[in-house]
Amino acid sequence: VLEGGEPTVIHNQEGGRTTPSMVSWNNEGDIVVGAASKRQMVTNPQRTVFGIKRLIGAKANDPDVQRLRPTLPYAIVPAKNGDAWVQIADQALSPQEISAHILAKIRQVAEDYLGESVTEVVVTVPAYFDDVQRQATKDAGAIAGLTVRAILNEPTAAALAYGLQHQQNQRLAVFDLGGGTFDISILAIENGVFEVL
């Protein structure tokens, strides 16, 4: 949220400035998202999904998905169209559905803070996401009842957060030390327009 022209990260209901992108299904069938899901990971690993953005828009037989399989406590199954879905108990769920739970949680964080409804969002994705992955991310927003106004590259969002759109034309290296990857993106800023090179 912008407060006095400065971007401020909203604290979630647990008091954190970040919300883990994790979704769990407990024994009662309730869906738990964020920090509460992370706490369940040790006792409920087969029903706790993390790293879902590595599956969104991917096929089950994709080599990257095959490499992930042995490292994940939950099961990856092929959908009818070959997409990589997640098996929770007797239910197969798309990455878009799981991502929608995370977006709905973030929406609730924003609505609680702002005291008004949130219907439109800008979602960030890794710079390497292809068109299929970007469309799947938009679909996740729609499932969560949100209108995705734009899909923004994560390094571009990082540069914007630091106010670099006000700088002179330049090239930047943005390091992204993620949960599973270490990425670097080279950005060009020309006349306020960002391009990932």
Protein backbone atom coordinates (compact mmCIF):
# COMPACT_ATOMS: atom_id res chain seq x y z
CA VAL A 1 0.00 0.00 0.00
CA LEU A 2 1.18 3.55 -0.68
CA GLU A 3 1.29 5.66 2.49
CA GLY A 4 2.44 9.23 2.02
CA GLY A 5 3.71 8.29 -1.42
CA GLU A 6 5.95 5.56 0.02
CA PRO A 7 5.30 1.84 -0.55
CA THR A 8 4.67 -0.05 2.69
CA VAL A 9 4.37 -3.82 3.04
CA ILE A 10 1.15 -4.73 4.84
CA HIS A 11 1.48 -7.08 7.82
CA ASN A 12 -0.68 -10.19 7.63
CA GLN A 13 -2.96 -11.48 10.40
CA GLU A 14 -0.02 -13.32 11.98
CA GLY A 15 2.03 -10.11 12.08
CA GLY A 16 4.43 -11.16 9.32
CA ARG A 17 5.48 -9.10 6.30
CA THR A 18 5.60 -12.21 4.12
CA THR A 19 3.05 -15.00 3.80
CA PRO A 20 4.40 -18.46 2.98
CA SER A 21 2.99 -19.72 -0.34
CA MET A 22 1.79 -22.93 1.26
CA VAL A 23 -1.60 -24.63 1.40
CA SER A 24 -2.59 -27.54 3.65
CA TRP A 25 -5.66 -29.73 3.98
CA ASN A 26 -6.09 -30.90 7.56
CA ASN A 27 -7.80 -34.11 8.69
CA GLU A 28 -11.14 -32.32 8.99
CA GLY A 29 -10.88 -31.25 5.35
CA ASP A 30 -10.31 -27.58 6.20
CA ILE A 31 -7.93 -25.57 4.03
CA VAL A 32 -5.12 -23.78 5.85
CA VAL A 33 -2.94 -21.19 4.09
CA GLY A 34 0.28 -19.34 4.91
CA ALA A 35 2.08 -19.52 8.27
CA ALA A 36 -0.50 -21.94 9.71
CA SER A 37 0.12 -24.26 6.75
CA LYS A 38 3.89 -24.04 7.25
CA ARG A 39 3.44 -25.12 10.88
CA GLN A 40 1.57 -28.23 9.69
CA MET A 41 4.27 -29.27 7.26
CA VAL A 42 6.09 -31.59 9.68
CA THR A 43 2.96 -33.41 10.90
CA ASN A 44 1.00 -33.27 7.62
CA PRO A 45 3.57 -33.39 4.76
CA GLN A 46 1.50 -35.31 2.18
CA ARG A 47 -1.31 -32.74 2.47
CA THR A 48 0.86 -29.60 2.51
CA VAL A 49 1.66 -28.06 -0.86
CA PHE A 50 4.56 -25.65 -1.37
CA GLY A 51 6.48 -24.53 -4.45
CA ILE A 52 3.32 -24.69 -6.56
CA LYS A 53 4.64 -22.08 -9.00
CA ARG A 54 7.10 -24.73 -10.19
CA LEU A 55 4.11 -26.76 -11.42
CA ILE A 56 1.81 -24.04 -12.75
CA GLY A 57 1.51 -24.28 -16.53
CA ALA A 58 3.76 -27.37 -16.61
CA LYS A 59 3.12 -30.85 -17.98
CA ALA A 60 3.46 -33.90 -15.72
CA ASN A 61 6.04 -35.46 -18.06
CA ASP A 62 8.17 -32.28 -18.21
CA PRO A 63 11.79 -33.13 -17.22
CA ASP A 64 11.80 -30.35 -14.59
CA VAL A 65 8.65 -31.80 -13.02
CA GLN A 66 10.17 -35.30 -13.10
CA ARG A 67 13.24 -33.97 -11.25
CA LEU A 68 11.00 -32.35 -8.61
CA ARG A 69 8.90 -35.48 -7.89
CA PRO A 70 11.30 -37.27 -5.53
CA THR A 71 11.95 -34.09 -3.54
CA LEU A 72 8.30 -33.34 -2.74
CA PRO A 73 6.26 -35.01 0.02
CA TYR A 74 3.00 -34.61 -1.94
CA ALA A 75 2.07 -36.54 -5.08
CA ILE A 76 2.12 -35.08 -8.59
CA VAL A 77 -0.36 -36.68 -11.00
CA PRO A 78 -1.16 -36.04 -14.67
CA ALA A 79 -4.46 -34.34 -15.48
CA LYS A 80 -6.49 -35.51 -18.49
CA ASN A 81 -4.70 -32.97 -20.67
CA GLY A 82 -1.26 -33.97 -19.30
CA ASP A 83 -0.86 -30.97 -16.96
CA ALA A 84 0.91 -31.53 -13.64
CA TRP A 85 -1.68 -31.62 -10.85
CA VAL A 86 -1.36 -32.39 -7.14
CA GLN A 87 -3.04 -35.35 -5.44
CA ILE A 88 -4.42 -34.61 -1.97
CA ALA A 89 -6.06 -37.74 -0.48
CA ASP A 90 -8.53 -38.82 -3.20
CA GLN A 91 -8.71 -35.43 -4.89
CA ALA A 92 -6.60 -34.14 -7.80
CA LEU A 93 -6.14 -30.36 -7.77
CA SER A 94 -4.71 -28.04 -10.41
CA PRO A 95 -1.86 -25.67 -9.52
CA GLN A 96 -4.25 -22.85 -10.44
CA GLU A 97 -6.74 -23.95 -7.77
CA ILE A 98 -4.01 -24.20 -5.14
CA SER A 99 -2.55 -20.82 -6.15
CA ALA A 100 -6.05 -19.32 -5.90
CA HIS A 101 -6.10 -20.20 -2.17
CA ILE A 102 -2.85 -18.27 -1.70
CA LEU A 103 -4.17 -15.26 -3.64
CA ALA A 104 -7.41 -15.36 -1.61
CA LYS A 105 -5.34 -15.26 1.61
CA ILE A 106 -3.37 -12.24 0.36
CA ARG A 107 -6.61 -10.58 -0.70
CA GLN A 108 -7.95 -11.05 2.85
CA VAL A 109 -4.76 -9.52 4.29
CA ALA A 110 -5.22 -6.45 2.06
CA GLU A 111 -8.95 -6.14 2.77
CA ASP A 112 -8.44 -6.40 6.55
CA TYR A 113 -5.84 -3.62 6.40
CA LEU A 114 -7.66 -1.33 3.96
CA GLY A 115 -11.17 -1.87 5.27
CA GLU A 116 -12.54 -2.20 1.74
CA SER A 117 -12.91 -4.91 -0.88
CA VAL A 118 -10.07 -5.73 -3.28
CA THR A 119 -11.09 -6.95 -6.74
CA GLU A 120 -8.11 -6.14 -8.97
CA VAL A 121 -4.50 -7.23 -8.65
CA VAL A 122 -1.11 -7.11 -10.29
CA VAL A 123 0.68 -10.45 -9.86
CA THR A 124 4.42 -10.94 -10.13
CA VAL A 125 5.98 -14.02 -11.73
CA PRO A 126 9.55 -15.16 -12.40
CA ALA A 127 11.05 -13.50 -15.48
CA TYR A 128 11.50 -16.94 -17.09
CA PHE A 129 7.73 -17.74 -17.01
CA ASP A 130 6.43 -18.44 -20.50
CA ASP A 131 3.02 -17.44 -21.91
CA VAL A 132 1.35 -20.65 -20.71
CA GLN A 133 2.60 -20.12 -17.15
CA ARG A 134 1.53 -16.47 -17.21
CA GLN A 135 -1.96 -17.38 -18.45
CA ALA A 136 -2.23 -20.08 -15.76
CA THR A 137 -1.35 -17.43 -13.17
CA LYS A 138 -4.14 -15.20 -14.53
CA ASP A 139 -6.49 -18.18 -14.29
CA ALA A 140 -5.54 -18.63 -10.62
CA GLY A 141 -6.50 -14.99 -10.01
CA ALA A 142 -9.87 -15.54 -11.72
CA ILE A 143 -10.54 -18.63 -9.56
CA ALA A 144 -9.84 -16.44 -6.50
CA GLY A 145 -12.42 -13.93 -7.79
CA LEU A 146 -9.83 -11.35 -8.78
CA THR A 147 -9.25 -9.46 -12.00
CA VAL A 148 -5.56 -9.70 -12.87
CA ARG A 149 -4.76 -6.28 -14.35
CA ALA A 150 -1.17 -7.17 -15.21
CA ILE A 151 1.46 -9.86 -14.87
CA LEU A 152 4.75 -8.25 -13.84
CA ASN A 153 8.20 -9.80 -13.88
CA GLU A 154 9.55 -10.21 -10.35
CA PRO A 155 12.83 -8.35 -11.03
CA THR A 156 10.84 -5.45 -12.51
CA ALA A 157 8.65 -5.36 -9.40
CA ALA A 158 11.76 -5.34 -7.20
CA ALA A 159 13.21 -2.40 -9.14
CA LEU A 160 9.90 -0.52 -8.92
CA ALA A 161 9.73 -1.13 -5.16
CA TYR A 162 13.08 0.62 -4.80
CA GLY A 163 11.83 3.62 -6.76
CA LEU A 164 14.17 3.05 -9.70
CA GLN A 165 11.53 4.26 -12.19
CA HIS A 166 12.55 7.79 -11.17
CA GLN A 167 16.21 7.23 -12.09
CA GLN A 168 17.93 8.09 -15.34
CA ASN A 169 18.11 5.58 -18.18
CA GLN A 170 20.22 2.69 -16.93
CA ARG A 171 20.84 -1.03 -16.82
CA LEU A 172 20.41 -2.96 -13.61
CA ALA A 173 21.31 -6.40 -12.31
CA VAL A 174 18.61 -7.74 -9.99
CA PHE A 175 19.53 -10.75 -7.84
CA ASP A 176 16.66 -13.00 -6.72
CA LEU A 177 17.61 -15.39 -3.94
CA GLY A 178 14.44 -17.46 -3.99
CA GLY A 179 13.34 -20.49 -2.01
CA GLY A 180 14.48 -22.93 -4.67
CA THR A 181 16.48 -20.92 -7.18
CA PHE A 182 19.06 -18.14 -7.39
CA ASP A 183 18.25 -15.98 -10.40
CA ILE A 184 19.79 -12.87 -11.87
CA SER A 185 17.97 -10.64 -14.34
CA ILE A 186 19.40 -7.76 -16.36
CA LEU A 187 16.92 -4.89 -16.74
CA ALA A 188 17.06 -1.88 -19.00
CA ILE A 189 15.18 1.27 -17.95
CA GLU A 190 14.62 3.73 -20.77
CA ASN A 191 12.25 6.66 -20.38
CA GLY A 192 10.52 4.96 -17.46
CA VAL A 193 9.92 1.72 -19.40
CA PHE A 194 11.37 -1.50 -17.96
CA GLU A 195 12.59 -4.29 -20.18
CA VAL A 196 14.03 -7.61 -18.98
CA LEU A 197 17.03 -8.25 -21.19
